[in-house]
Amino acid sequence: MGMLPQAAHACATCGCTLSTDAATGYSTESGWRINVDYTYIDQDQLRSGGSKASPEQVVNQPSDPSLGGGEIEKRTINRYYNVAATYRFDGDWGVTFVLPYVIRDHSTYGTQLQPYTPAAIAPDQISNSHVAGIGDAKVLASYQGFLPTHNFGVQFGIKLPTGHYGGQTDDGNFVGRPTTFNSGPNLGQSLDTSLQAGTGSTDLIAGAYYFQPVSQNFDAFVNGQFQAAIKQNLDTPGADFRPGNLASISLGLRYEAHANWVPQVQINWFHKSADQGALADRPDTEGTVAYLSPGISGSLSEKLQVYAFVQVPVYSHLQGYQLFPRWTGTVGISMKL
């Protein structure tokens, strides 16, 4: 199959960084392959830089001092369902179509003013929202005909603004089609633009990958990807939004001694630059994270594979205050048609 993209979203830590293509092994077989995966990310820990943060810090040491306080986010639970269809014309060329479905439950105590008191995190301060819908689709081409072994390839493509996006300006006007809070003090107000199902931007994507046997039983791989917005639907002064650039590198090792079950491990590094624009939470959307990702893939038949991974964060450096997961999980199935 072609190199499948890694899901990535507007906040620095709410996207999956796993290389799902490497999980099932790179292929040069022509024809169609369908991949369906599910990723669960529970961001339940406030962090700043590389350490935990407290609600008191958020309010009394805000990332944006001009606010006179800060937003105390409580929790974000992300569930991503990704369907990818890859067609390989031959051993050299392939094209992949990716459509995600995003389910996101977000809760926050809202922006609380200084000085901090325990009343800031009382139950009556909690606002909740529920996002459920199609995310931003991607179309990507891959070429791996540089070497006779077809084990080095490049990727290029585009992300389209197919998911609902939008936000709320300082004067209270809605732009786009944003999801709003469904309970709490923020009832009826727009959820942050960075937490909507889509970003409203058209992005260019470029990447490269290389895989190679390193011994009789072990294969190794490395891949990288870069994504940047080139056009924003939210481009009106005072109501503009541009998602930050995304960069990722994954490397891993697969143990191929058994024909049907392949234990493996990945290291996934990811960096996101800060969102830009009047609707952006600029102080709190930049960050660099790294995960150790052990997993296993299995062949149920000649054409059907399954895989499962757990990602454990081993490094984080987050700008401002952001919610961060203690672990993430991904399961998937891949079928050759």
C-alpha atoms as a PDB file:
ATOM      1  CA  MET A   1       0.000   0.000   0.000  1.00  0.00           C
ATOM      2  CA  GLY A   2       1.026   3.627  -0.211  1.00  0.00           C
ATOM      3  CA  MET A   3       2.282   5.378   2.881  1.00  0.00           C
ATOM      4  CA  LEU A   4      -0.783   6.141   4.953  1.00  0.00           C
ATOM      5  CA  PRO A   5      -0.860   9.578   6.566  1.00  0.00           C
ATOM      6  CA  GLN A   6      -0.731  10.028  10.287  1.00  0.00           C
ATOM      7  CA  ALA A   7      -3.768  11.705  11.720  1.00  0.00           C
ATOM      8  CA  ALA A   8      -3.038  15.100  13.130  1.00  0.00           C
ATOM      9  CA  HIS A   9      -5.314  17.787  14.397  1.00  0.00           C
ATOM     10  CA  ALA A  10      -5.271  21.377  15.495  1.00  0.00           C
ATOM     11  CA  CYS A  11      -4.120  21.006  19.107  1.00  0.00           C
ATOM     12  CA  ALA A  12      -0.533  19.937  19.686  1.00  0.00           C
ATOM     13  CA  THR A  13      -1.313  16.572  21.256  1.00  0.00           C
ATOM     14  CA  CYS A  14      -4.766  15.443  20.118  1.00  0.00           C
ATOM     15  CA  GLY A  15      -3.788  13.624  16.906  1.00  0.00           C
ATOM     16  CA  CYS A  16      -2.519  10.087  16.405  1.00  0.00           C
ATOM     17  CA  THR A  17       1.197   9.963  15.516  1.00  0.00           C
ATOM     18  CA  LEU A  18       1.355   6.221  14.782  1.00  0.00           C
ATOM     19  CA  SER A  19       2.639   5.113  11.364  1.00  0.00           C
ATOM     20  CA  THR A  20      -0.147   2.720  10.383  1.00  0.00           C
ATOM     21  CA  ASP A  21       1.427   1.851   7.037  1.00  0.00           C
ATOM     22  CA  ALA A  22       4.574   0.565   8.708  1.00  0.00           C
ATOM     23  CA  ALA A  23       2.380  -1.421  11.130  1.00  0.00           C
ATOM     24  CA  THR A  24       1.242  -3.741   8.346  1.00  0.00           C
ATOM     25  CA  GLY A  25       4.405  -3.601   6.229  1.00  0.00           C
ATOM     26  CA  TYR A  26       5.016  -1.652   3.030  1.00  0.00           C
ATOM     27  CA  SER A  27       3.715  -3.323  -0.104  1.00  0.00           C
ATOM     28  CA  THR A  28       4.435  -3.092  -3.832  1.00  0.00           C
ATOM     29  CA  GLU A  29       1.484  -5.256  -4.915  1.00  0.00           C
ATOM     30  CA  SER A  30      -0.807  -3.638  -7.460  1.00  0.00           C
ATOM     31  CA  GLY A  31      -4.547  -3.291  -6.868  1.00  0.00           C
ATOM     32  CA  TRP A  32      -6.771  -1.994  -4.084  1.00  0.00           C
ATOM     33  CA  ARG A  33      -6.248  -2.184  -0.329  1.00  0.00           C
ATOM     34  CA  ILE A  34      -8.676  -0.911   2.310  1.00  0.00           C
ATOM     35  CA  ASN A  35      -7.508   0.101   5.779  1.00  0.00           C
ATOM     36  CA  VAL A  36      -9.846   0.909   8.677  1.00  0.00           C
ATOM     37  CA  ASP A  37      -8.512   1.946  12.075  1.00  0.00           C
ATOM     38  CA  TYR A  38      -9.763   3.339  15.365  1.00  0.00           C
ATOM     39  CA  THR A  39      -7.701   5.542  17.709  1.00  0.00           C
ATOM     40  CA  TYR A  40      -8.593   6.510  21.278  1.00  0.00           C
ATOM     41  CA  ILE A  41      -6.874   9.497  22.935  1.00  0.00           C
ATOM     42  CA  ASP A  42      -7.917  10.647  26.406  1.00  0.00           C
ATOM     43  CA  GLN A  43      -6.334  13.999  27.239  1.00  0.00           C
ATOM     44  CA  ASP A  44      -6.921  14.217  30.977  1.00  0.00           C
ATOM     45  CA  GLN A  45      -3.705  15.803  32.265  1.00  0.00           C
ATOM     46  CA  LEU A  46      -2.882  19.522  32.239  1.00  0.00           C
ATOM     47  CA  ARG A  47       0.739  20.117  31.237  1.00  0.00           C
ATOM     48  CA  SER A  48       3.048  23.012  30.459  1.00  0.00           C
ATOM     49  CA  GLY A  49       6.512  22.593  29.024  1.00  0.00           C
ATOM     50  CA  GLY A  50       7.530  19.094  30.035  1.00  0.00           C
ATOM     51  CA  SER A  51       5.729  18.791  33.366  1.00  0.00           C
ATOM     52  CA  LYS A  52       2.290  18.710  34.970  1.00  0.00           C
ATOM     53  CA  ALA A  53       0.448  21.956  35.597  1.00  0.00           C
ATOM     54  CA  SER A  54      -2.212  22.921  38.133  1.00  0.00           C
ATOM     55  CA  PRO A  55      -5.372  25.011  37.696  1.00  0.00           C
ATOM     56  CA  GLU A  56      -3.803  27.569  40.024  1.00  0.00           C
ATOM     57  CA  GLN A  57      -0.847  27.966  37.658  1.00  0.00           C
ATOM     58  CA  VAL A  58      -3.166  28.421  34.670  1.00  0.00           C
ATOM     59  CA  VAL A  59      -4.954  31.323  36.367  1.00  0.00           C
ATOM     60  CA  ASN A  60      -2.160  33.022  38.315  1.00  0.00           C
ATOM     61  CA  GLN A  61       0.617  32.449  35.733  1.00  0.00           C
ATOM     62  CA  PRO A  62      -1.352  32.654  32.467  1.00  0.00           C
ATOM     63  CA  SER A  63       0.194  32.019  29.063  1.00  0.00           C
ATOM     64  CA  ASP A  64      -1.525  35.241  27.904  1.00  0.00           C
ATOM     65  CA  PRO A  65      -1.152  37.753  30.792  1.00  0.00           C
ATOM     66  CA  SER A  66      -3.402  40.287  29.032  1.00  0.00           C
ATOM     67  CA  LEU A  67      -6.422  38.097  29.883  1.00  0.00           C
ATOM     68  CA  GLY A  68      -5.953  38.583  33.625  1.00  0.00           C
ATOM     69  CA  GLY A  69      -6.397  34.843  34.077  1.00  0.00           C
ATOM     70  CA  GLY A  70      -6.498  31.671  32.006  1.00  0.00           C
ATOM     71  CA  GLU A  71      -8.724  28.916  30.675  1.00  0.00           C
ATOM     72  CA  ILE A  72      -8.700  25.780  32.856  1.00  0.00           C
ATOM     73  CA  GLU A  73      -9.401  22.920  30.456  1.00  0.00           C
ATOM     74  CA  LYS A  74     -10.722  19.796  32.169  1.00  0.00           C
ATOM     75  CA  ARG A  75     -10.640  16.925  29.664  1.00  0.00           C
ATOM     76  CA  THR A  76     -10.775  16.046  25.962  1.00  0.00           C
ATOM     77  CA  ILE A  77     -11.616  12.536  24.795  1.00  0.00           C
ATOM     78  CA  ASN A  78     -10.870  11.944  21.100  1.00  0.00           C
ATOM     79  CA  ARG A  79     -12.082   8.997  19.040  1.00  0.00           C
ATOM     80  CA  TYR A  80     -10.961   8.797  15.432  1.00  0.00           C
ATOM     81  CA  TYR A  81     -12.266   6.363  12.806  1.00  0.00           C
ATOM     82  CA  ASN A  82     -10.152   6.480   9.648  1.00  0.00           C
ATOM     83  CA  VAL A  83     -11.036   4.787   6.362  1.00  0.00           C
ATOM     84  CA  ALA A  84      -8.263   4.704   3.769  1.00  0.00           C
ATOM     85  CA  ALA A  85      -8.459   3.253   0.256  1.00  0.00           C
ATOM     86  CA  THR A  86      -5.159   2.753  -1.564  1.00  0.00           C
ATOM     87  CA  TYR A  87      -4.744   1.827  -5.207  1.00  0.00           C
ATOM     88  CA  ARG A  88      -1.312   0.799  -6.457  1.00  0.00           C
ATOM     89  CA  PHE A  89      -0.976   1.036 -10.228  1.00  0.00           C
ATOM     90  CA  ASP A  90       2.279  -0.968 -10.105  1.00  0.00           C
ATOM     91  CA  GLY A  91       5.336  -1.337  -7.906  1.00  0.00           C
ATOM     92  CA  ASP A  92       6.178   2.346  -8.399  1.00  0.00           C
ATOM     93  CA  TRP A  93       2.996   4.435  -8.161  1.00  0.00           C
ATOM     94  CA  GLY A  94       0.071   4.492  -5.775  1.00  0.00           C
ATOM     95  CA  VAL A  95      -2.671   6.826  -4.585  1.00  0.00           C
ATOM     96  CA  THR A  96      -4.460   6.878  -1.228  1.00  0.00           C
ATOM     97  CA  PHE A  97      -7.792   8.433  -0.242  1.00  0.00           C
ATOM     98  CA  VAL A  98      -8.390   9.005   3.477  1.00  0.00           C
ATOM     99  CA  LEU A  99     -11.651   9.988   5.179  1.00  0.00           C
ATOM    100  CA  PRO A 100     -11.748  10.389   8.974  1.00  0.00           C
ATOM    101  CA  TYR A 101     -14.740  10.471  11.296  1.00  0.00           C
ATOM    102  CA  VAL A 102     -14.106  12.503  14.449  1.00  0.00           C
ATOM    103  CA  ILE A 103     -15.825  12.115  17.820  1.00  0.00           C
ATOM    104  CA  ARG A 104     -14.557  14.558  20.443  1.00  0.00           C
ATOM    105  CA  ASP A 105     -15.935  15.259  23.921  1.00  0.00           C
ATOM    106  CA  HIS A 106     -14.416  18.354  25.487  1.00  0.00           C
ATOM    107  CA  SER A 107     -15.012  19.890  28.916  1.00  0.00           C
ATOM    108  CA  THR A 108     -13.589  23.072  30.387  1.00  0.00           C
ATOM    109  CA  TYR A 109     -13.946  25.296  33.445  1.00  0.00           C
ATOM    110  CA  GLY A 110     -13.604  28.274  31.117  1.00  0.00           C
ATOM    111  CA  THR A 111     -11.442  31.328  31.584  1.00  0.00           C
ATOM    112  CA  GLN A 112     -11.117  32.144  35.271  1.00  0.00           C
ATOM    113  CA  LEU A 113      -9.838  35.521  36.499  1.00  0.00           C
ATOM    114  CA  GLN A 114      -7.098  36.094  39.063  1.00  0.00           C
ATOM    115  CA  PRO A 115      -6.647  35.392  41.849  1.00  0.00           C
ATOM    116  CA  TYR A 116      -7.300  31.650  41.711  1.00  0.00           C
ATOM    117  CA  THR A 117      -9.738  30.153  44.238  1.00  0.00           C
ATOM    118  CA  PRO A 118     -11.166  26.612  44.480  1.00  0.00           C
ATOM    119  CA  ALA A 119     -14.478  28.015  43.229  1.00  0.00           C
ATOM    120  CA  ALA A 120     -12.862  28.185  39.758  1.00  0.00           C
ATOM    121  CA  ILE A 121     -13.082  24.383  39.442  1.00  0.00           C
ATOM    122  CA  ALA A 122     -16.480  23.900  41.056  1.00  0.00           C
ATOM    123  CA  PRO A 123     -18.895  21.597  39.144  1.00  0.00           C
ATOM    124  CA  ASP A 124     -21.118  24.520  38.160  1.00  0.00           C
ATOM    125  CA  GLN A 125     -18.212  25.998  36.166  1.00  0.00           C
ATOM    126  CA  ILE A 126     -17.935  23.030  33.779  1.00  0.00           C
ATOM    127  CA  SER A 127     -19.002  23.512  30.145  1.00  0.00           C
ATOM    128  CA  ASN A 128     -19.287  20.466  27.859  1.00  0.00           C
ATOM    129  CA  SER A 129     -19.268  19.983  24.093  1.00  0.00           C
ATOM    130  CA  HIS A 130     -19.646  17.038  21.736  1.00  0.00           C
ATOM    131  CA  VAL A 131     -18.170  16.958  18.221  1.00  0.00           C
ATOM    132  CA  ALA A 132     -19.255  14.170  15.870  1.00  0.00           C
ATOM    133  CA  GLY A 133     -18.760  14.304  12.127  1.00  0.00           C
ATOM    134  CA  ILE A 134     -16.591  13.851   9.072  1.00  0.00           C
ATOM    135  CA  GLY A 135     -13.135  15.338   9.404  1.00  0.00           C
ATOM    136  CA  ASP A 136     -10.804  16.670   6.734  1.00  0.00           C
ATOM    137  CA  ALA A 137     -10.194  14.263   3.837  1.00  0.00           C
ATOM    138  CA  LYS A 138      -6.790  13.650   2.267  1.00  0.00           C
ATOM    139  CA  VAL A 139      -5.630  12.557  -1.178  1.00  0.00           C
ATOM    140  CA  LEU A 140      -2.013  11.400  -1.399  1.00  0.00           C
ATOM    141  CA  ALA A 141       0.159   9.968  -4.158  1.00  0.00           C
ATOM    142  CA  SER A 142       3.268   7.887  -3.512  1.00  0.00           C
ATOM    143  CA  TYR A 143       6.215   6.894  -5.686  1.00  0.00           C
ATOM    144  CA  GLN A 144       8.737   4.225  -4.705  1.00  0.00           C
ATOM    145  CA  GLY A 145      10.483   3.462  -7.987  1.00  0.00           C
ATOM    146  CA  PHE A 146      13.835   5.076  -7.168  1.00  0.00           C
ATOM    147  CA  LEU A 147      15.511   1.767  -6.249  1.00  0.00           C
ATOM    148  CA  PRO A 148      15.169  -1.702  -7.802  1.00  0.00           C
ATOM    149  CA  THR A 149      14.152  -2.983  -4.364  1.00  0.00           C
ATOM    150  CA  HIS A 150      11.275  -0.427  -4.144  1.00  0.00           C
ATOM    151  CA  ASN A 151      12.061   0.219  -0.486  1.00  0.00           C
ATOM    152  CA  PHE A 152      12.457   4.014  -0.704  1.00  0.00           C
ATOM    153  CA  GLY A 153       9.511   6.229  -1.514  1.00  0.00           C
ATOM    154  CA  VAL A 154       8.168   9.761  -1.456  1.00  0.00           C
ATOM    155  CA  GLN A 155       4.662  11.026  -0.848  1.00  0.00           C
ATOM    156  CA  PHE A 156       2.834  14.194  -1.812  1.00  0.00           C
ATOM    157  CA  GLY A 157      -0.769  15.238  -1.556  1.00  0.00           C
ATOM    158  CA  ILE A 158      -3.413  17.542  -0.198  1.00  0.00           C
ATOM    159  CA  LYS A 159      -5.773  17.854   2.773  1.00  0.00           C
ATOM    160  CA  LEU A 160      -9.210  19.254   1.970  1.00  0.00           C
ATOM    161  CA  PRO A 161     -11.544  21.279   4.257  1.00  0.00           C
ATOM    162  CA  THR A 162     -14.343  18.687   4.309  1.00  0.00           C
ATOM    163  CA  GLY A 163     -14.969  18.757   8.088  1.00  0.00           C
ATOM    164  CA  HIS A 164     -17.145  21.316   9.874  1.00  0.00           C
ATOM    165  CA  TYR A 165     -15.067  24.265  11.006  1.00  0.00           C
ATOM    166  CA  GLY A 166     -15.549  27.728  12.447  1.00  0.00           C
ATOM    167  CA  GLY A 167     -15.562  29.790  15.584  1.00  0.00           C
ATOM    168  CA  GLN A 168     -16.862  32.889  17.329  1.00  0.00           C
ATOM    169  CA  THR A 169     -15.430  36.395  17.055  1.00  0.00           C
ATOM    170  CA  ASP A 170     -14.834  38.757  19.964  1.00  0.00           C
ATOM    171  CA  ASP A 171     -18.125  40.534  19.221  1.00  0.00           C
ATOM    172  CA  GLY A 172     -20.072  37.257  19.429  1.00  0.00           C
ATOM    173  CA  ASN A 173     -20.639  36.546  15.734  1.00  0.00           C
ATOM    174  CA  PHE A 174     -20.331  32.978  14.435  1.00  0.00           C
ATOM    175  CA  VAL A 175     -18.217  32.203  11.383  1.00  0.00           C
ATOM    176  CA  GLY A 176     -18.265  28.912   9.518  1.00  0.00           C
ATOM    177  CA  ARG A 177     -20.347  26.081  10.996  1.00  0.00           C
ATOM    178  CA  PRO A 178     -18.838  25.490  14.430  1.00  0.00           C
ATOM    179  CA  THR A 179     -19.936  23.032  17.087  1.00  0.00           C
ATOM    180  CA  THR A 180     -21.139  24.839  20.222  1.00  0.00           C
ATOM    181  CA  PHE A 181     -21.097  23.954  23.911  1.00  0.00           C
ATOM    182  CA  ASN A 182     -24.197  21.974  24.888  1.00  0.00           C
ATOM    183  CA  SER A 183     -24.154  22.601  28.652  1.00  0.00           C
ATOM    184  CA  GLY A 184     -22.625  24.779  31.359  1.00  0.00           C
ATOM    185  CA  PRO A 185     -21.843  28.501  31.532  1.00  0.00           C
ATOM    186  CA  ASN A 186     -20.645  28.472  27.882  1.00  0.00           C
ATOM    187  CA  LEU A 187     -23.918  26.953  26.600  1.00  0.00           C
ATOM    188  CA  GLY A 188     -24.505  28.055  23.005  1.00  0.00           C
ATOM    189  CA  GLN A 189     -21.040  29.535  22.566  1.00  0.00           C
ATOM    190  CA  SER A 190     -18.638  28.174  19.962  1.00  0.00           C
ATOM    191  CA  LEU A 191     -16.131  25.477  20.838  1.00  0.00           C
ATOM    192  CA  ASP A 192     -12.521  26.528  20.160  1.00  0.00           C
ATOM    193  CA  THR A 193     -11.741  26.629  16.446  1.00  0.00           C
ATOM    194  CA  SER A 194      -8.813  24.256  17.007  1.00  0.00           C
ATOM    195  CA  LEU A 195     -11.143  21.587  18.445  1.00  0.00           C
ATOM    196  CA  GLN A 196     -13.676  21.491  15.611  1.00  0.00           C
ATOM    197  CA  ALA A 197     -13.856  18.414  13.354  1.00  0.00           C
ATOM    198  CA  GLY A 198     -12.067  20.314  10.552  1.00  0.00           C
ATOM    199  CA  THR A 199      -9.652  23.215  10.277  1.00  0.00           C
ATOM    200  CA  GLY A 200     -11.203  24.981   7.263  1.00  0.00           C
ATOM    201  CA  SER A 201      -7.854  24.930   5.484  1.00  0.00           C
ATOM    202  CA  THR A 202      -6.401  23.345   2.379  1.00  0.00           C
ATOM    203  CA  ASP A 203      -3.002  21.869   3.233  1.00  0.00           C
ATOM    204  CA  LEU A 204      -0.107  20.520   1.197  1.00  0.00           C
ATOM    205  CA  ILE A 205       1.529  17.306   2.446  1.00  0.00           C
ATOM    206  CA  ALA A 206       4.971  15.929   1.594  1.00  0.00           C
ATOM    207  CA  GLY A 207       6.844  12.978   3.010  1.00  0.00           C
ATOM    208  CA  ALA A 208       9.355  10.189   2.455  1.00  0.00           C
ATOM    209  CA  TYR A 209       9.908   6.670   3.777  1.00  0.00           C
ATOM    210  CA  TYR A 210      12.546   3.935   3.739  1.00  0.00           C
ATOM    211  CA  PHE A 211      12.436   0.335   4.948  1.00  0.00           C
ATOM    212  CA  GLN A 212      15.141  -2.317   4.989  1.00  0.00           C
ATOM    213  CA  PRO A 213      15.836  -5.786   6.453  1.00  0.00           C
ATOM    214  CA  VAL A 214      18.598  -5.464   9.061  1.00  0.00           C
ATOM    215  CA  SER A 215      19.002  -9.175   9.836  1.00  0.00           C
ATOM    216  CA  GLN A 216      17.323 -12.482   9.084  1.00  0.00           C
ATOM    217  CA  ASN A 217      14.414 -11.733  11.413  1.00  0.00           C
ATOM    218  CA  PHE A 218      14.308  -7.936  11.756  1.00  0.00           C
ATOM    219  CA  ASP A 219      13.112  -5.181   9.433  1.00  0.00           C
ATOM    220  CA  ALA A 220      13.588  -1.482  10.170  1.00  0.00           C
ATOM    221  CA  PHE A 221      11.842   1.586   8.787  1.00  0.00           C
ATOM    222  CA  VAL A 222      11.913   5.361   9.013  1.00  0.00           C
ATOM    223  CA  ASN A 223       9.446   7.873   7.604  1.00  0.00           C
ATOM    224  CA  GLY A 224       8.754  11.562   7.840  1.00  0.00           C
ATOM    225  CA  GLN A 225       5.945  13.888   6.861  1.00  0.00           C
ATOM    226  CA  PHE A 226       5.347  17.647   6.699  1.00  0.00           C
ATOM    227  CA  GLN A 227       1.994  19.414   6.358  1.00  0.00           C
ATOM    228  CA  ALA A 228       1.272  23.119   5.920  1.00  0.00           C
ATOM    229  CA  ALA A 229      -1.874  25.127   5.149  1.00  0.00           C
ATOM    230  CA  ILE A 230      -1.778  27.069   1.882  1.00  0.00           C
ATOM    231  CA  LYS A 231      -5.361  28.378   1.848  1.00  0.00           C
ATOM    232  CA  GLN A 232      -7.767  29.192   4.698  1.00  0.00           C
ATOM    233  CA  ASN A 233     -11.532  29.510   4.391  1.00  0.00           C
ATOM    234  CA  LEU A 234     -11.457  31.523   7.617  1.00  0.00           C
ATOM    235  CA  ASP A 235      -9.527  34.484   6.195  1.00  0.00           C
ATOM    236  CA  THR A 236     -11.540  37.575   7.190  1.00  0.00           C
ATOM    237  CA  PRO A 237      -9.669  40.040   9.427  1.00  0.00           C
ATOM    238  CA  GLY A 238     -10.877  39.529  12.975  1.00  0.00           C
ATOM    239  CA  ALA A 239     -12.273  36.096  12.069  1.00  0.00           C
ATOM    240  CA  ASP A 240      -9.267  34.342  10.552  1.00  0.00           C
ATOM    241  CA  PHE A 241      -7.626  31.052  11.434  1.00  0.00           C
ATOM    242  CA  ARG A 242      -4.630  29.147  10.089  1.00  0.00           C
ATOM    243  CA  PRO A 243      -3.634  25.829  11.689  1.00  0.00           C
ATOM    244  CA  GLY A 244       0.005  25.420  12.623  1.00  0.00           C
ATOM    245  CA  ASN A 245       2.411  23.435  10.458  1.00  0.00           C
ATOM    246  CA  LEU A 246       2.850  19.751  11.321  1.00  0.00           C
ATOM    247  CA  ALA A 247       6.045  17.706  11.155  1.00  0.00           C
ATOM    248  CA  SER A 248       6.483  14.066  12.166  1.00  0.00           C
ATOM    249  CA  ILE A 249       9.205  11.417  12.098  1.00  0.00           C
ATOM    250  CA  SER A 250       8.674   7.750  12.930  1.00  0.00           C
ATOM    251  CA  LEU A 251      11.188   4.936  13.111  1.00  0.00           C
ATOM    252  CA  GLY A 252      10.658   1.365  14.098  1.00  0.00           C
ATOM    253  CA  LEU A 253      11.677  -2.272  14.173  1.00  0.00           C
ATOM    254  CA  ARG A 254       9.606  -5.303  13.124  1.00  0.00           C
ATOM    255  CA  TYR A 255      10.349  -8.889  14.248  1.00  0.00           C
ATOM    256  CA  GLU A 256       9.605 -11.091  11.220  1.00  0.00           C
ATOM    257  CA  ALA A 257      10.521 -14.551  12.562  1.00  0.00           C
ATOM    258  CA  HIS A 258       6.872 -15.680  12.550  1.00  0.00           C
ATOM    259  CA  ALA A 259       4.909 -15.658   9.314  1.00  0.00           C
ATOM    260  CA  ASN A 260       1.535 -14.699  10.795  1.00  0.00           C
ATOM    261  CA  TRP A 261       2.338 -12.522  13.841  1.00  0.00           C
ATOM    262  CA  VAL A 262       4.794  -9.633  13.800  1.00  0.00           C
ATOM    263  CA  PRO A 263       5.690  -7.933  17.102  1.00  0.00           C
ATOM    264  CA  GLN A 264       7.093  -4.463  16.543  1.00  0.00           C
ATOM    265  CA  VAL A 265       7.910  -1.157  18.168  1.00  0.00           C
ATOM    266  CA  GLN A 266       7.859   2.408  16.912  1.00  0.00           C
ATOM    267  CA  ILE A 267       9.198   5.738  18.144  1.00  0.00           C
ATOM    268  CA  ASN A 268       6.978   8.586  16.946  1.00  0.00           C
ATOM    269  CA  TRP A 269       8.152  12.225  17.111  1.00  0.00           C
ATOM    270  CA  PHE A 270       5.736  15.038  16.310  1.00  0.00           C
ATOM    271  CA  HIS A 271       5.963  18.823  16.257  1.00  0.00           C
ATOM    272  CA  LYS A 272       3.194  21.340  15.692  1.00  0.00           C
ATOM    273  CA  SER A 273       3.745  25.069  15.356  1.00  0.00           C
ATOM    274  CA  ALA A 274       1.275  27.516  16.874  1.00  0.00           C
ATOM    275  CA  ASP A 275      -2.070  28.238  15.216  1.00  0.00           C
ATOM    276  CA  GLN A 276      -2.395  31.743  13.803  1.00  0.00           C
ATOM    277  CA  GLY A 277      -5.234  34.253  13.448  1.00  0.00           C
ATOM    278  CA  ALA A 278      -7.847  36.005  15.560  1.00  0.00           C
ATOM    279  CA  LEU A 279      -9.679  32.707  16.226  1.00  0.00           C
ATOM    280  CA  ALA A 280      -6.511  30.876  17.249  1.00  0.00           C
ATOM    281  CA  ASP A 281      -5.393  30.058  20.777  1.00  0.00           C
ATOM    282  CA  ARG A 282      -1.860  31.004  19.834  1.00  0.00           C
ATOM    283  CA  PRO A 283      -0.175  30.675  23.263  1.00  0.00           C
ATOM    284  CA  ASP A 284      -1.484  27.131  23.840  1.00  0.00           C
ATOM    285  CA  THR A 285      -1.279  25.214  20.530  1.00  0.00           C
ATOM    286  CA  GLU A 286       2.437  24.687  19.880  1.00  0.00           C
ATOM    287  CA  GLY A 287       4.323  21.656  21.079  1.00  0.00           C
ATOM    288  CA  THR A 288       6.697  18.767  20.514  1.00  0.00           C
ATOM    289  CA  VAL A 289       5.889  15.253  21.688  1.00  0.00           C
ATOM    290  CA  ALA A 290       7.403  11.781  21.350  1.00  0.00           C
ATOM    291  CA  TYR A 291       5.839   8.361  21.938  1.00  0.00           C
ATOM    292  CA  LEU A 292       7.141   4.833  22.397  1.00  0.00           C
ATOM    293  CA  SER A 293       4.664   2.603  20.567  1.00  0.00           C
ATOM    294  CA  PRO A 294       4.811  -1.185  21.027  1.00  0.00           C
ATOM    295  CA  GLY A 295       2.371  -3.252  19.019  1.00  0.00           C
ATOM    296  CA  ILE A 296       1.672  -6.325  16.945  1.00  0.00           C
ATOM    297  CA  SER A 297       0.224  -7.113  13.537  1.00  0.00           C
ATOM    298  CA  GLY A 298      -1.245 -10.417  12.431  1.00  0.00           C
ATOM    299  CA  SER A 299      -2.322 -12.078   9.202  1.00  0.00           C
ATOM    300  CA  LEU A 300      -5.763 -13.664   9.481  1.00  0.00           C
ATOM    301  CA  SER A 301      -5.580 -14.779   5.867  1.00  0.00           C
ATOM    302  CA  GLU A 302      -3.524 -14.091   2.754  1.00  0.00           C
ATOM    303  CA  LYS A 303      -5.406 -10.818   2.186  1.00  0.00           C
ATOM    304  CA  LEU A 304      -6.469  -9.769   5.680  1.00  0.00           C
ATOM    305  CA  GLN A 305      -4.309  -8.226   8.410  1.00  0.00           C
ATOM    306  CA  VAL A 306      -5.076  -6.770  11.841  1.00  0.00           C
ATOM    307  CA  TYR A 307      -2.912  -4.673  14.136  1.00  0.00           C
ATOM    308  CA  ALA A 308      -2.968  -3.102  17.600  1.00  0.00           C
ATOM    309  CA  PHE A 309      -0.668  -0.534  19.236  1.00  0.00           C
ATOM    310  CA  VAL A 310      -0.369   1.339  22.506  1.00  0.00           C
ATOM    311  CA  GLN A 311       1.448   4.682  22.498  1.00  0.00           C
ATOM    312  CA  VAL A 312       3.150   5.809  25.698  1.00  0.00           C
ATOM    313  CA  PRO A 313       4.457   9.398  25.829  1.00  0.00           C
ATOM    314  CA  VAL A 314       8.170   9.596  26.638  1.00  0.00           C
ATOM    315  CA  TYR A 315       8.720  13.312  25.960  1.00  0.00           C
ATOM    316  CA  SER A 316       6.666  16.481  25.758  1.00  0.00           C
ATOM    317  CA  HIS A 317       7.418  20.176  25.521  1.00  0.00           C
ATOM    318  CA  LEU A 318       4.183  22.144  25.245  1.00  0.00           C
ATOM    319  CA  GLN A 319       3.751  25.882  24.916  1.00  0.00           C
ATOM    320  CA  GLY A 320       1.330  27.429  27.397  1.00  0.00           C
ATOM    321  CA  TYR A 321      -1.108  25.021  29.054  1.00  0.00           C
ATOM    322  CA  GLN A 322      -2.458  22.005  27.189  1.00  0.00           C
ATOM    323  CA  LEU A 323      -4.264  18.776  27.931  1.00  0.00           C
ATOM    324  CA  PHE A 324      -2.077  15.725  27.394  1.00  0.00           C
ATOM    325  CA  PRO A 325      -2.793  11.956  27.255  1.00  0.00           C
ATOM    326  CA  ARG A 326      -1.203   9.380  29.542  1.00  0.00           C
ATOM    327  CA  TRP A 327      -1.475   6.831  26.712  1.00  0.00           C
ATOM    328  CA  THR A 328      -3.227   6.302  23.382  1.00  0.00           C
ATOM    329  CA  GLY A 329      -4.447   3.168  21.642  1.00  0.00           C
ATOM    330  CA  THR A 330      -4.977   2.188  18.001  1.00  0.00           C
ATOM    331  CA  VAL A 331      -6.493  -0.940  16.441  1.00  0.00           C
ATOM    332  CA  GLY A 332      -6.985  -1.529  12.759  1.00  0.00           C
ATOM    333  CA  ILE A 333      -7.689  -3.934   9.937  1.00  0.00           C
ATOM    334  CA  SER A 334      -6.213  -3.961   6.429  1.00  0.00           C
ATOM    335  CA  MET A 335      -7.655  -5.921   3.503  1.00  0.00           C
ATOM    336  CA  LYS A 336      -6.317  -6.550  -0.003  1.00  0.00           C
ATOM    337  CA  LEU A 337      -9.146  -6.596  -2.544  1.00  0.00           C
END
